[in-house]
């Protein structure tokens, strides 16, 4: 578990990457070609910015796990998309960790229960972040790179197929 505040430069998922993740999960060619199907653009922009936010001059989410949990919470709870919010929230959080060199270490069945609890308002950012486990696994990707990021998103989706399929049913 990462409990120390982040001191190195962090890369965050962009608005375009969040749109792409949702489109990829829904296999929606319209989304992936620029025809955005977002229910509430302001909620999506707020979700994109939340992991980067500060309060009283301090990082509101000082650890990478808190940043990932804040992103997941914002999307899963606030439903900026017309469909696929819990799945998009999950992959977005995994992507945030991965582009910063971390791989998630969780049992998918337990993750399912925790993500549903976040989406239903039964678990907050702090407790979800405390539960998250990850390990150093990749070199960080400091700048967006279309082919690399696309392949990473596709790999994360494939690795979490069971979990994402279960989330789609709920």
N, C-alpha and C. Protein backbone atom coordinates (compact mmCIF):
# COMPACT_ATOMS: atom_id res chain seq x y z
N UNK A 1 0.84 -1.18 0.00
CA UNK A 1 0.00 0.00 0.00
C UNK A 1 0.88 1.24 0.00
N UNK A 2 0.47 2.23 -0.73
CA UNK A 2 1.21 3.47 -0.77
C UNK A 2 0.57 4.44 0.22
N UNK A 3 1.27 4.75 1.29
CA UNK A 3 0.73 5.65 2.29
C UNK A 3 1.49 6.96 2.36
N UNK A 4 2.62 7.02 1.69
CA UNK A 4 3.43 8.23 1.69
C UNK A 4 2.90 9.20 0.64
N UNK A 5 2.91 10.50 0.96
CA UNK A 5 2.52 11.48 -0.05
C UNK A 5 3.41 11.38 -1.28
N UNK A 6 2.84 11.66 -2.41
CA UNK A 6 3.56 11.60 -3.67
C UNK A 6 4.45 12.83 -3.77
N UNK A 7 5.70 12.62 -4.12
CA UNK A 7 6.61 13.75 -4.26
C UNK A 7 7.07 13.94 -5.70
N UNK A 8 7.05 12.87 -6.49
CA UNK A 8 7.46 12.99 -7.89
C UNK A 8 6.28 13.50 -8.73
N UNK A 9 6.59 13.81 -9.98
CA UNK A 9 5.57 14.30 -10.89
C UNK A 9 4.55 13.21 -11.18
N UNK A 10 3.29 13.57 -11.13
CA UNK A 10 2.20 12.63 -11.37
C UNK A 10 1.55 12.97 -12.70
N UNK A 11 1.23 11.94 -13.44
CA UNK A 11 0.45 12.11 -14.67
C UNK A 11 -0.97 11.67 -14.36
N UNK A 12 -1.92 12.46 -14.81
CA UNK A 12 -3.33 12.17 -14.59
C UNK A 12 -4.02 11.86 -15.92
N UNK A 13 -5.05 11.01 -15.89
CA UNK A 13 -5.81 10.78 -17.12
C UNK A 13 -6.45 12.08 -17.60
N UNK A 14 -6.43 12.27 -18.90
CA UNK A 14 -7.03 13.47 -19.49
C UNK A 14 -8.51 13.22 -19.78
N UNK A 15 -9.20 14.30 -20.04
CA UNK A 15 -10.61 14.23 -20.44
C UNK A 15 -10.76 13.29 -21.64
N UNK A 16 -9.91 13.44 -22.65
CA UNK A 16 -9.98 12.60 -23.85
C UNK A 16 -9.75 11.13 -23.52
N UNK A 17 -8.82 10.86 -22.62
CA UNK A 17 -8.55 9.48 -22.23
C UNK A 17 -9.75 8.89 -21.49
N UNK A 18 -10.40 9.69 -20.65
CA UNK A 18 -11.59 9.21 -19.93
C UNK A 18 -12.73 8.91 -20.91
N UNK A 19 -12.88 9.74 -21.91
CA UNK A 19 -13.89 9.50 -22.96
C UNK A 19 -13.54 8.22 -23.72
N UNK A 20 -12.27 8.05 -24.07
CA UNK A 20 -11.84 6.86 -24.79
C UNK A 20 -12.09 5.60 -23.98
N UNK A 21 -11.78 5.63 -22.69
CA UNK A 21 -12.00 4.46 -21.82
C UNK A 21 -13.47 4.07 -21.84
N UNK A 22 -14.35 5.04 -21.70
CA UNK A 22 -15.79 4.74 -21.70
C UNK A 22 -16.20 4.16 -23.04
N UNK A 23 -15.73 4.74 -24.14
CA UNK A 23 -16.06 4.24 -25.46
C UNK A 23 -15.55 2.83 -25.69
N UNK A 24 -14.35 2.57 -25.23
CA UNK A 24 -13.76 1.23 -25.39
C UNK A 24 -14.56 0.19 -24.61
N UNK A 25 -14.94 0.54 -23.39
CA UNK A 25 -15.72 -0.38 -22.56
C UNK A 25 -17.09 -0.67 -23.16
N UNK A 26 -17.69 0.33 -23.76
CA UNK A 26 -19.02 0.16 -24.34
C UNK A 26 -18.96 -0.30 -25.79
N UNK A 27 -17.74 -0.46 -26.31
CA UNK A 27 -17.54 -0.81 -27.72
C UNK A 27 -18.37 0.13 -28.60
N UNK A 28 -18.27 1.40 -28.26
CA UNK A 28 -19.09 2.42 -28.92
C UNK A 28 -18.21 3.22 -29.88
N UNK A 29 -18.36 2.94 -31.16
CA UNK A 29 -17.55 3.61 -32.17
C UNK A 29 -17.84 5.10 -32.23
N UNK A 30 -19.07 5.50 -31.91
CA UNK A 30 -19.41 6.93 -31.93
C UNK A 30 -18.57 7.69 -30.91
N UNK A 31 -18.45 7.16 -29.71
CA UNK A 31 -17.66 7.82 -28.68
C UNK A 31 -16.20 7.89 -29.12
N UNK A 32 -15.69 6.79 -29.64
CA UNK A 32 -14.27 6.74 -29.99
C UNK A 32 -13.94 7.56 -31.23
N UNK A 33 -14.94 8.04 -31.96
CA UNK A 33 -14.67 8.89 -33.12
C UNK A 33 -15.09 10.34 -32.85
N UNK A 34 -15.28 10.67 -31.58
CA UNK A 34 -15.51 12.07 -31.24
C UNK A 34 -16.95 12.48 -31.00
N UNK A 35 -17.89 11.58 -31.18
CA UNK A 35 -19.28 11.91 -30.90
C UNK A 35 -19.54 11.54 -29.44
N UNK A 36 -19.30 12.50 -28.57
CA UNK A 36 -19.32 12.27 -27.13
C UNK A 36 -20.72 11.95 -26.63
N UNK A 37 -20.82 10.90 -25.82
CA UNK A 37 -22.08 10.54 -25.18
C UNK A 37 -21.92 10.66 -23.68
N UNK A 38 -21.79 11.88 -23.25
CA UNK A 38 -21.62 12.17 -21.84
C UNK A 38 -22.94 12.75 -21.33
N UNK A 39 -23.40 12.25 -20.21
CA UNK A 39 -24.65 12.74 -19.63
C UNK A 39 -24.47 14.14 -19.06
N UNK A 40 -23.32 14.35 -18.38
CA UNK A 40 -23.05 15.64 -17.76
C UNK A 40 -21.57 15.97 -17.87
N UNK A 41 -21.25 16.83 -18.80
CA UNK A 41 -19.85 17.17 -19.07
C UNK A 41 -19.19 17.82 -17.86
N UNK A 42 -19.93 18.62 -17.11
CA UNK A 42 -19.35 19.27 -15.93
C UNK A 42 -18.94 18.24 -14.88
N UNK A 43 -19.74 17.20 -14.71
CA UNK A 43 -19.36 16.14 -13.76
C UNK A 43 -18.12 15.39 -14.22
N UNK A 44 -18.00 15.18 -15.52
CA UNK A 44 -16.81 14.50 -16.04
C UNK A 44 -15.57 15.38 -15.87
N UNK A 45 -15.69 16.66 -16.15
CA UNK A 45 -14.56 17.57 -15.97
C UNK A 45 -14.17 17.66 -14.49
N UNK A 46 -15.16 17.65 -13.61
CA UNK A 46 -14.87 17.67 -12.17
C UNK A 46 -14.15 16.39 -11.76
N UNK A 47 -14.59 15.25 -12.30
CA UNK A 47 -13.93 13.97 -11.98
C UNK A 47 -12.49 13.98 -12.47
N UNK A 48 -12.27 14.52 -13.65
CA UNK A 48 -10.91 14.59 -14.20
C UNK A 48 -10.00 15.42 -13.29
N UNK A 49 -10.52 16.51 -12.75
CA UNK A 49 -9.72 17.42 -11.94
C UNK A 49 -9.60 17.02 -10.47
N UNK A 50 -10.53 16.22 -9.97
CA UNK A 50 -10.56 15.92 -8.54
C UNK A 50 -9.25 15.34 -7.98
N UNK A 51 -8.61 14.38 -8.63
CA UNK A 51 -7.36 13.85 -8.05
C UNK A 51 -6.25 14.89 -7.91
N UNK A 52 -6.36 15.98 -8.67
CA UNK A 52 -5.34 17.02 -8.67
C UNK A 52 -5.66 18.16 -7.71
N UNK A 53 -6.79 18.10 -7.05
CA UNK A 53 -7.26 19.23 -6.26
C UNK A 53 -6.47 19.42 -4.97
N UNK A 54 -6.57 20.64 -4.46
CA UNK A 54 -5.91 20.97 -3.21
C UNK A 54 -6.89 21.74 -2.33
N UNK A 55 -6.58 21.77 -1.04
CA UNK A 55 -7.38 22.51 -0.07
C UNK A 55 -6.42 23.22 0.88
N UNK A 56 -6.60 24.51 1.01
CA UNK A 56 -5.76 25.31 1.90
C UNK A 56 -4.27 25.14 1.59
N UNK A 57 -3.96 25.09 0.29
CA UNK A 57 -2.59 24.99 -0.14
C UNK A 57 -1.96 23.60 -0.02
N UNK A 58 -2.75 22.62 0.39
CA UNK A 58 -2.26 21.25 0.54
C UNK A 58 -2.96 20.34 -0.47
N UNK A 59 -2.25 19.34 -0.93
CA UNK A 59 -2.83 18.35 -1.84
C UNK A 59 -3.99 17.66 -1.13
N UNK A 60 -5.18 17.72 -1.70
CA UNK A 60 -6.36 17.09 -1.08
C UNK A 60 -6.23 15.57 -1.04
N UNK A 61 -5.53 15.02 -2.00
CA UNK A 61 -5.32 13.56 -2.09
C UNK A 61 -3.82 13.33 -2.25
N UNK A 62 -3.09 13.27 -1.14
CA UNK A 62 -1.63 13.27 -1.23
C UNK A 62 -0.99 11.98 -1.74
N UNK A 63 -1.67 10.83 -1.65
CA UNK A 63 -1.06 9.60 -2.14
C UNK A 63 -1.65 9.21 -3.48
N UNK A 64 -0.92 8.41 -4.21
CA UNK A 64 -1.41 7.94 -5.51
C UNK A 64 -2.69 7.12 -5.34
N UNK A 65 -2.77 6.33 -4.27
CA UNK A 65 -3.98 5.55 -4.03
C UNK A 65 -5.17 6.45 -3.72
N UNK A 66 -4.96 7.52 -3.00
CA UNK A 66 -6.05 8.46 -2.73
C UNK A 66 -6.49 9.16 -4.03
N UNK A 67 -5.54 9.47 -4.88
CA UNK A 67 -5.87 10.09 -6.16
C UNK A 67 -6.71 9.12 -7.02
N UNK A 68 -6.29 7.85 -7.08
CA UNK A 68 -7.03 6.85 -7.84
C UNK A 68 -8.42 6.64 -7.25
N UNK A 69 -8.52 6.60 -5.92
CA UNK A 69 -9.81 6.41 -5.26
C UNK A 69 -10.72 7.61 -5.49
N UNK A 70 -10.17 8.81 -5.49
CA UNK A 70 -10.96 10.02 -5.74
C UNK A 70 -11.53 10.02 -7.16
N UNK A 71 -10.71 9.61 -8.12
CA UNK A 71 -11.18 9.52 -9.51
C UNK A 71 -12.28 8.47 -9.64
N UNK A 72 -12.04 7.30 -9.07
CA UNK A 72 -13.04 6.22 -9.12
C UNK A 72 -14.34 6.69 -8.48
N UNK A 73 -14.26 7.29 -7.31
CA UNK A 73 -15.44 7.76 -6.58
C UNK A 73 -16.22 8.78 -7.41
N UNK A 74 -15.53 9.75 -7.99
CA UNK A 74 -16.20 10.80 -8.75
C UNK A 74 -16.99 10.26 -9.93
N UNK A 75 -16.43 9.30 -10.62
CA UNK A 75 -17.12 8.75 -11.79
C UNK A 75 -18.21 7.76 -11.37
N UNK A 76 -17.88 6.85 -10.47
CA UNK A 76 -18.85 5.82 -10.07
C UNK A 76 -20.04 6.41 -9.34
N UNK A 77 -19.82 7.42 -8.54
CA UNK A 77 -20.88 8.00 -7.72
C UNK A 77 -21.71 9.05 -8.46
N UNK A 78 -21.06 9.84 -9.30
CA UNK A 78 -21.73 10.99 -9.91
C UNK A 78 -22.29 10.74 -11.30
N UNK A 79 -21.96 9.63 -11.91
CA UNK A 79 -22.52 9.21 -13.20
C UNK A 79 -22.44 10.27 -14.31
N UNK A 80 -21.24 10.68 -14.70
CA UNK A 80 -21.16 11.65 -15.79
C UNK A 80 -21.52 11.06 -17.16
N UNK A 81 -21.40 9.73 -17.31
CA UNK A 81 -21.70 9.08 -18.59
C UNK A 81 -23.13 8.56 -18.62
N UNK A 82 -23.62 8.34 -19.82
CA UNK A 82 -24.95 7.75 -19.98
C UNK A 82 -24.96 6.29 -19.57
N UNK A 83 -23.83 5.60 -19.72
CA UNK A 83 -23.73 4.18 -19.39
C UNK A 83 -22.27 3.87 -19.08
N UNK A 84 -22.05 2.82 -18.28
CA UNK A 84 -20.70 2.33 -18.03
C UNK A 84 -19.92 3.09 -16.98
N UNK A 85 -20.59 3.76 -16.07
CA UNK A 85 -19.90 4.60 -15.08
C UNK A 85 -18.99 3.80 -14.14
N UNK A 86 -19.48 2.71 -13.58
CA UNK A 86 -18.66 1.93 -12.64
C UNK A 86 -17.47 1.29 -13.36
N UNK A 87 -17.71 0.80 -14.56
CA UNK A 87 -16.61 0.20 -15.34
C UNK A 87 -15.58 1.25 -15.73
N UNK A 88 -16.06 2.40 -16.18
CA UNK A 88 -15.15 3.47 -16.57
C UNK A 88 -14.36 3.96 -15.36
N UNK A 89 -15.04 4.09 -14.23
CA UNK A 89 -14.37 4.52 -12.99
C UNK A 89 -13.25 3.56 -12.63
N UNK A 90 -13.53 2.27 -12.75
CA UNK A 90 -12.54 1.24 -12.40
C UNK A 90 -11.33 1.31 -13.30
N UNK A 91 -11.56 1.34 -14.61
CA UNK A 91 -10.44 1.36 -15.55
C UNK A 91 -9.69 2.69 -15.45
N UNK A 92 -10.40 3.78 -15.24
CA UNK A 92 -9.73 5.08 -15.09
C UNK A 92 -8.78 5.07 -13.89
N UNK A 93 -9.23 4.51 -12.76
CA UNK A 93 -8.38 4.43 -11.57
C UNK A 93 -7.17 3.53 -11.83
N UNK A 94 -7.41 2.40 -12.48
CA UNK A 94 -6.30 1.50 -12.82
C UNK A 94 -5.32 2.18 -13.78
N UNK A 95 -5.85 2.93 -14.71
CA UNK A 95 -5.02 3.64 -15.69
C UNK A 95 -4.17 4.71 -14.98
N UNK A 96 -4.78 5.45 -14.06
CA UNK A 96 -4.02 6.45 -13.31
C UNK A 96 -2.85 5.79 -12.58
N UNK A 97 -3.11 4.66 -11.94
CA UNK A 97 -2.02 3.94 -11.26
C UNK A 97 -0.98 3.45 -12.27
N UNK A 98 -1.43 2.88 -13.38
CA UNK A 98 -0.51 2.28 -14.35
C UNK A 98 0.40 3.32 -15.02
N UNK A 99 -0.16 4.47 -15.38
CA UNK A 99 0.68 5.48 -16.06
C UNK A 99 1.69 6.09 -15.09
N UNK A 100 1.50 5.81 -13.81
CA UNK A 100 2.45 6.25 -12.79
C UNK A 100 3.28 5.09 -12.26
N UNK A 101 3.31 4.00 -13.03
CA UNK A 101 4.21 2.89 -12.74
C UNK A 101 3.70 1.84 -11.77
N UNK A 102 2.42 1.85 -11.45
CA UNK A 102 1.88 0.92 -10.45
C UNK A 102 0.89 -0.07 -11.09
N UNK A 103 0.89 -1.28 -10.57
CA UNK A 103 -0.08 -2.30 -10.99
C UNK A 103 -0.90 -2.67 -9.76
N UNK A 104 -2.20 -2.77 -9.96
CA UNK A 104 -3.10 -3.09 -8.86
C UNK A 104 -2.90 -4.53 -8.41
N UNK A 105 -3.07 -4.74 -7.14
CA UNK A 105 -2.96 -6.08 -6.56
C UNK A 105 -4.23 -6.31 -5.75
N UNK A 106 -5.26 -6.89 -6.41
CA UNK A 106 -6.51 -7.15 -5.72
C UNK A 106 -7.16 -8.41 -6.22
N UNK A 107 -8.01 -8.96 -5.40
CA UNK A 107 -8.87 -10.07 -5.81
C UNK A 107 -10.09 -9.42 -6.46
N UNK A 108 -10.41 -9.84 -7.68
CA UNK A 108 -11.49 -9.18 -8.40
C UNK A 108 -12.84 -9.30 -7.69
N UNK A 109 -13.11 -10.40 -7.03
CA UNK A 109 -14.40 -10.55 -6.33
C UNK A 109 -14.51 -9.56 -5.18
N UNK A 110 -13.43 -9.36 -4.46
CA UNK A 110 -13.45 -8.37 -3.38
C UNK A 110 -13.53 -6.96 -3.95
N UNK A 111 -12.79 -6.72 -5.03
CA UNK A 111 -12.84 -5.41 -5.67
C UNK A 111 -14.26 -5.08 -6.12
N UNK A 112 -14.96 -6.08 -6.64
CA UNK A 112 -16.35 -5.87 -7.07
C UNK A 112 -17.19 -5.33 -5.92
N UNK A 113 -17.10 -5.95 -4.77
CA UNK A 113 -17.89 -5.51 -3.61
C UNK A 113 -17.50 -4.10 -3.17
N UNK A 114 -16.22 -3.82 -3.18
CA UNK A 114 -15.75 -2.49 -2.75
C UNK A 114 -16.17 -1.40 -3.74
N UNK A 115 -16.06 -1.69 -5.03
CA UNK A 115 -16.44 -0.70 -6.05
C UNK A 115 -17.94 -0.44 -5.99
N UNK A 116 -18.73 -1.49 -5.83
CA UNK A 116 -20.17 -1.31 -5.69
C UNK A 116 -20.50 -0.47 -4.45
N UNK A 117 -19.77 -0.70 -3.37
CA UNK A 117 -19.99 0.08 -2.14
C UNK A 117 -19.68 1.56 -2.38
N UNK A 118 -18.61 1.83 -3.11
CA UNK A 118 -18.28 3.22 -3.44
C UNK A 118 -19.41 3.82 -4.28
N UNK A 119 -19.84 3.10 -5.31
CA UNK A 119 -20.88 3.61 -6.22
C UNK A 119 -22.19 3.86 -5.49
N UNK A 120 -22.47 3.08 -4.45
CA UNK A 120 -23.72 3.22 -3.70
C UNK A 120 -23.60 4.16 -2.51
N UNK A 121 -22.44 4.76 -2.32
CA UNK A 121 -22.25 5.70 -1.23
C UNK A 121 -21.99 5.05 0.12
N UNK A 122 -21.67 3.77 0.13
CA UNK A 122 -21.43 3.05 1.37
C UNK A 122 -19.94 3.03 1.75
N UNK A 123 -19.08 3.45 0.85
CA UNK A 123 -17.65 3.51 1.14
C UNK A 123 -17.10 4.82 0.59
N UNK A 124 -16.27 5.49 1.38
CA UNK A 124 -15.73 6.78 0.95
C UNK A 124 -14.33 6.63 0.35
N UNK A 125 -13.82 7.73 -0.13
CA UNK A 125 -12.52 7.75 -0.80
C UNK A 125 -11.42 7.25 0.13
N UNK A 126 -11.43 7.72 1.35
CA UNK A 126 -10.36 7.37 2.29
C UNK A 126 -10.30 5.88 2.57
N UNK A 127 -11.45 5.26 2.81
CA UNK A 127 -11.43 3.83 3.13
C UNK A 127 -11.10 3.00 1.88
N UNK A 128 -11.57 3.41 0.71
CA UNK A 128 -11.23 2.69 -0.51
C UNK A 128 -9.73 2.81 -0.79
N UNK A 129 -9.18 4.00 -0.61
CA UNK A 129 -7.74 4.20 -0.83
C UNK A 129 -6.92 3.37 0.14
N UNK A 130 -7.38 3.26 1.38
CA UNK A 130 -6.65 2.47 2.38
C UNK A 130 -6.67 0.98 2.02
N UNK A 131 -7.74 0.54 1.36
CA UNK A 131 -7.85 -0.86 0.96
C UNK A 131 -6.99 -1.18 -0.27
N UNK A 132 -6.82 -0.21 -1.16
CA UNK A 132 -6.08 -0.44 -2.41
C UNK A 132 -4.65 -0.91 -2.14
N UNK A 133 -4.22 -1.84 -2.95
CA UNK A 133 -2.84 -2.32 -2.92
C UNK A 133 -2.31 -2.27 -4.35
N UNK A 134 -1.07 -1.84 -4.46
CA UNK A 134 -0.44 -1.86 -5.78
C UNK A 134 1.05 -2.09 -5.58
N UNK A 135 1.68 -2.42 -6.69
CA UNK A 135 3.12 -2.65 -6.65
C UNK A 135 3.75 -1.95 -7.85
N UNK A 136 5.02 -1.61 -7.70
CA UNK A 136 5.74 -1.04 -8.83
C UNK A 136 5.82 -2.12 -9.90
N UNK A 137 5.45 -1.76 -11.11
CA UNK A 137 5.41 -2.78 -12.15
C UNK A 137 5.86 -2.27 -13.51
N UNK A 138 5.70 -1.00 -13.75
CA UNK A 138 5.99 -0.46 -15.07
C UNK A 138 6.83 0.80 -14.91
N UNK A 139 7.53 1.18 -15.96
CA UNK A 139 8.12 2.52 -15.92
C UNK A 139 6.98 3.53 -16.06
N UNK A 140 6.99 4.61 -15.29
CA UNK A 140 5.94 5.62 -15.45
C UNK A 140 5.92 6.17 -16.88
N UNK A 141 4.75 6.59 -17.30
CA UNK A 141 4.57 7.17 -18.63
C UNK A 141 4.25 8.66 -18.45
N UNK A 142 5.29 9.51 -18.42
CA UNK A 142 5.07 10.90 -18.04
C UNK A 142 4.26 11.74 -19.02
N UNK A 143 4.20 11.33 -20.27
CA UNK A 143 3.46 12.10 -21.28
C UNK A 143 2.49 11.18 -22.01
N UNK A 144 1.31 11.71 -22.37
CA UNK A 144 0.40 10.89 -23.17
C UNK A 144 1.04 10.49 -24.50
N UNK A 145 0.85 9.24 -24.86
CA UNK A 145 1.34 8.71 -26.14
C UNK A 145 0.25 7.77 -26.64
N UNK A 146 -0.43 8.14 -27.70
CA UNK A 146 -1.63 7.48 -28.15
C UNK A 146 -1.52 5.96 -28.24
N UNK A 147 -0.55 5.46 -28.97
CA UNK A 147 -0.44 4.01 -29.17
C UNK A 147 -0.15 3.28 -27.86
N UNK A 148 0.74 3.82 -27.06
CA UNK A 148 1.12 3.19 -25.79
C UNK A 148 -0.07 3.22 -24.83
N UNK A 149 -0.72 4.37 -24.73
CA UNK A 149 -1.86 4.50 -23.80
C UNK A 149 -3.04 3.64 -24.24
N UNK A 150 -3.29 3.58 -25.53
CA UNK A 150 -4.37 2.73 -26.05
C UNK A 150 -4.11 1.27 -25.71
N UNK A 151 -2.89 0.82 -25.94
CA UNK A 151 -2.53 -0.57 -25.63
C UNK A 151 -2.64 -0.84 -24.13
N UNK A 152 -2.24 0.12 -23.31
CA UNK A 152 -2.33 -0.04 -21.86
C UNK A 152 -3.79 -0.15 -21.42
N UNK A 153 -4.63 0.71 -21.93
CA UNK A 153 -6.06 0.66 -21.59
C UNK A 153 -6.66 -0.68 -22.01
N UNK A 154 -6.34 -1.13 -23.21
CA UNK A 154 -6.86 -2.42 -23.68
C UNK A 154 -6.37 -3.57 -22.80
N UNK A 155 -5.10 -3.50 -22.37
CA UNK A 155 -4.57 -4.54 -21.50
C UNK A 155 -5.27 -4.53 -20.14
N UNK A 156 -5.49 -3.35 -19.57
CA UNK A 156 -6.18 -3.25 -18.28
C UNK A 156 -7.60 -3.82 -18.37
N UNK A 157 -8.28 -3.53 -19.46
CA UNK A 157 -9.63 -4.06 -19.67
C UNK A 157 -9.59 -5.58 -19.76
N UNK A 158 -8.64 -6.11 -20.50
CA UNK A 158 -8.53 -7.57 -20.64
C UNK A 158 -8.20 -8.24 -19.30
N UNK A 159 -7.29 -7.63 -18.54
CA UNK A 159 -6.89 -8.21 -17.25
C UNK A 159 -8.03 -8.21 -16.23
N UNK A 160 -8.95 -7.27 -16.36
CA UNK A 160 -10.04 -7.13 -15.39
C UNK A 160 -11.39 -7.54 -15.99
N UNK A 161 -11.36 -8.40 -17.01
CA UNK A 161 -12.58 -8.76 -17.74
C UNK A 161 -13.70 -9.26 -16.83
N UNK A 162 -13.39 -10.19 -15.94
CA UNK A 162 -14.44 -10.73 -15.07
C UNK A 162 -15.07 -9.61 -14.24
N UNK A 163 -14.25 -8.81 -13.62
CA UNK A 163 -14.74 -7.71 -12.79
C UNK A 163 -15.59 -6.74 -13.60
N UNK A 164 -15.11 -6.35 -14.77
CA UNK A 164 -15.85 -5.40 -15.60
C UNK A 164 -17.16 -5.99 -16.10
N UNK A 165 -17.17 -7.28 -16.43
CA UNK A 165 -18.42 -7.94 -16.84
C UNK A 165 -19.42 -7.95 -15.69
N UNK A 166 -18.94 -8.22 -14.48
CA UNK A 166 -19.82 -8.21 -13.31
C UNK A 166 -20.37 -6.81 -13.04
N UNK A 167 -19.52 -5.81 -13.16
CA UNK A 167 -19.98 -4.44 -12.94
C UNK A 167 -21.03 -4.04 -13.98
N UNK A 168 -20.90 -4.56 -15.20
CA UNK A 168 -21.86 -4.24 -16.26
C UNK A 168 -23.25 -4.77 -15.93
N UNK A 169 -23.30 -5.83 -15.14
CA UNK A 169 -24.59 -6.45 -14.79
C UNK A 169 -25.27 -5.77 -13.61
N UNK A 170 -24.58 -4.86 -12.96
CA UNK A 170 -25.14 -4.26 -11.74
C UNK A 170 -25.39 -2.79 -11.86
